[in-house]
Amino acid sequence: MRIAVAADERTGVADVLLALLTARGHELLPHGALREGDRPDWAWCAQAAARDVAEGRADQAIVCCWTGTGASIAANKVAGIRAALCGDAPTAAGAREWNDANVLALSLRTTSAAVLAEILDAWFAGTPSTDPADAANIARVSR
């Protein structure tokens, strides 16, 4: 899977994220502090990763900033993006199932390596719900 990845800081958890994604066989499109010469500010790099998804260059994206909040807000400003800030595996699973989220937002401050692995397991195992009520909600926010 092709994954756009953005972070506004090159921290330990950002490096762990890159290593875990690479070990899982994903092709990475880095942005921000993860790519030499890129603008590292959260709004710029998170939107660049989200645009990769919206424009078909990536299947999904993972965006990171200190809290994850700014990166999720920036990504959600891109048409067609449903970014979810996830701090644990059950939230990531729910975001994929009920919200058909296509961008995972993470906190560089609170996400440990162990929790990160659990979040990624849940995120990549998740599939969108086929329930008509869930589809109606996705359609509503896709306008």
Protein backbone atom coordinates (compact mmCIF):
# COMPACT_ATOMS: atom_id res chain seq x y z
CA MET A 1 0.00 0.00 0.00
CA ARG A 2 1.22 3.50 -0.75
CA ILE A 3 1.11 5.66 2.41
CA ALA A 4 1.75 9.41 2.60
CA VAL A 5 3.39 10.21 5.95
CA ALA A 6 3.80 13.67 7.46
CA ALA A 7 5.28 14.98 10.70
CA ASP A 8 6.23 18.45 11.81
CA GLU A 9 9.10 17.09 13.93
CA ARG A 10 11.56 14.25 13.44
CA THR A 11 11.07 12.63 16.84
CA GLY A 12 11.63 9.09 18.06
CA VAL A 13 8.02 8.08 17.44
CA ALA A 14 8.18 9.51 13.90
CA ASP A 15 11.21 7.34 13.18
CA VAL A 16 9.45 4.31 14.73
CA LEU A 17 6.43 5.01 12.50
CA LEU A 18 8.60 5.04 9.37
CA ALA A 19 10.34 1.82 10.43
CA LEU A 20 7.07 0.02 11.20
CA LEU A 21 5.48 1.06 7.92
CA THR A 22 8.55 0.02 5.94
CA ALA A 23 8.71 -3.32 7.77
CA ARG A 24 5.07 -3.92 6.81
CA GLY A 25 6.00 -3.46 3.16
CA HIS A 26 4.32 -0.10 2.53
CA GLU A 27 5.67 2.39 0.02
CA LEU A 28 6.12 5.75 1.78
CA LEU A 29 5.60 9.29 0.49
CA PRO A 30 7.21 11.44 3.22
CA HIS A 31 6.37 15.08 3.95
CA GLY A 32 7.43 17.79 6.37
CA ALA A 33 10.28 16.98 8.73
CA LEU A 34 10.43 13.48 7.21
CA ARG A 35 11.65 14.79 3.84
CA GLU A 36 14.78 16.85 3.30
CA GLY A 37 13.98 20.41 2.23
CA ASP A 38 10.23 20.15 2.87
CA ARG A 39 8.38 22.73 4.96
CA PRO A 40 7.90 21.04 8.36
CA ASP A 41 4.98 23.11 9.69
CA TRP A 42 2.03 20.89 10.64
CA ALA A 43 -0.54 22.65 8.46
CA TRP A 44 1.59 22.44 5.33
CA CYS A 45 2.86 18.89 5.68
CA ALA A 46 -0.44 17.38 6.88
CA GLN A 47 -2.30 18.96 3.97
CA ALA A 48 0.34 17.75 1.51
CA ALA A 49 -0.11 14.16 2.74
CA ALA A 50 -3.90 14.49 2.63
CA ARG A 51 -3.73 15.83 -0.94
CA ASP A 52 -1.73 12.73 -1.89
CA VAL A 53 -4.75 10.65 -0.81
CA ALA A 54 -7.39 12.94 -2.32
CA GLU A 55 -5.54 13.09 -5.65
CA GLY A 56 -4.83 9.36 -5.82
CA ARG A 57 -1.06 9.35 -5.26
CA ALA A 58 -1.49 7.48 -1.96
CA ASP A 59 -4.01 4.96 -0.67
CA GLN A 60 -3.99 6.43 2.85
CA ALA A 61 -2.01 8.91 4.93
CA ILE A 62 -0.67 9.20 8.44
CA VAL A 63 -0.16 12.72 9.76
CA CYS A 64 1.56 13.68 13.01
CA CYS A 65 2.16 16.72 15.15
CA TRP A 66 2.80 17.27 18.86
CA THR A 67 -0.84 16.65 19.86
CA GLY A 68 -2.15 15.28 16.56
CA THR A 69 -4.98 17.80 16.67
CA GLY A 70 -3.51 20.37 14.30
CA ALA A 71 -2.48 17.71 11.78
CA SER A 72 -5.99 16.22 11.82
CA ILE A 73 -7.62 19.64 11.38
CA ALA A 74 -5.30 20.50 8.48
CA ALA A 75 -5.89 17.16 6.75
CA ASN A 76 -9.65 17.46 7.13
CA LYS A 77 -9.61 20.75 5.20
CA VAL A 78 -8.78 18.76 2.04
CA ALA A 79 -11.90 17.68 0.12
CA GLY A 80 -12.51 13.94 0.32
CA ILE A 81 -10.46 13.42 3.46
CA ARG A 82 -11.75 11.90 6.67
CA ALA A 83 -8.88 12.20 9.14
CA ALA A 84 -9.21 10.66 12.59
CA LEU A 85 -7.03 11.44 15.60
CA CYS A 86 -6.43 8.08 17.26
CA GLY A 87 -4.69 7.50 20.57
CA ASP A 88 -5.45 3.80 20.88
CA ALA A 89 -6.27 0.71 18.82
CA PRO A 90 -10.04 0.63 19.46
CA THR A 91 -10.39 4.22 18.27
CA ALA A 92 -8.38 3.41 15.13
CA ALA A 93 -10.53 0.34 14.42
CA GLY A 94 -13.71 2.37 14.88
CA ALA A 95 -12.43 5.19 12.68
CA ARG A 96 -11.83 2.76 9.83
CA GLU A 97 -15.11 0.87 10.33
CA TRP A 98 -17.69 3.54 11.14
CA ASN A 99 -16.07 6.63 9.61
CA ASP A 100 -14.23 5.09 6.63
CA ALA A 101 -11.30 7.27 7.71
CA ASN A 102 -8.56 7.53 5.11
CA VAL A 103 -6.06 9.57 7.15
CA LEU A 104 -4.75 8.54 10.56
CA ALA A 105 -3.63 11.41 12.81
CA LEU A 106 -1.24 10.72 15.67
CA SER A 107 0.28 12.61 18.58
CA LEU A 108 4.07 12.70 18.62
CA ARG A 109 3.90 13.47 22.34
CA THR A 110 1.62 10.75 23.71
CA THR A 111 2.04 7.83 21.29
CA SER A 112 4.52 5.22 22.53
CA ALA A 113 6.14 2.69 20.20
CA ALA A 114 4.05 -0.14 21.67
CA VAL A 115 0.76 1.75 21.33
CA LEU A 116 1.75 2.87 17.84
CA ALA A 117 2.15 -0.75 16.71
CA GLU A 118 -1.29 -1.58 18.15
CA ILE A 119 -2.87 1.43 16.43
CA LEU A 120 -1.33 0.46 13.09
CA ASP A 121 -2.51 -3.16 13.48
CA ALA A 122 -6.07 -1.99 14.11
CA TRP A 123 -5.98 0.67 11.38
CA PHE A 124 -4.74 -1.64 8.63
CA ALA A 125 -7.00 -4.51 9.69
CA GLY A 126 -10.06 -2.27 9.64
CA THR A 127 -12.53 -2.14 6.79
CA PRO A 128 -15.43 0.23 6.21
CA SER A 129 -18.84 -0.81 7.50
CA THR A 130 -21.47 -1.97 5.03
CA ASP A 131 -24.30 -0.86 7.33
CA PRO A 132 -26.59 1.59 5.45
CA ALA A 133 -26.71 3.94 8.45
CA ASP A 134 -22.91 4.20 8.48
CA ALA A 135 -22.86 4.75 4.71
CA ALA A 136 -25.44 7.53 5.12
CA ASN A 137 -23.26 9.26 7.69
CA ILE A 138 -20.21 9.05 5.41
CA ALA A 139 -22.25 10.43 2.52
CA ARG A 140 -23.46 13.29 4.73
CA VAL A 141 -19.94 14.46 5.62
CA SER A 142 -18.68 13.93 2.05
CA ARG A 143 -20.72 16.81 0.63
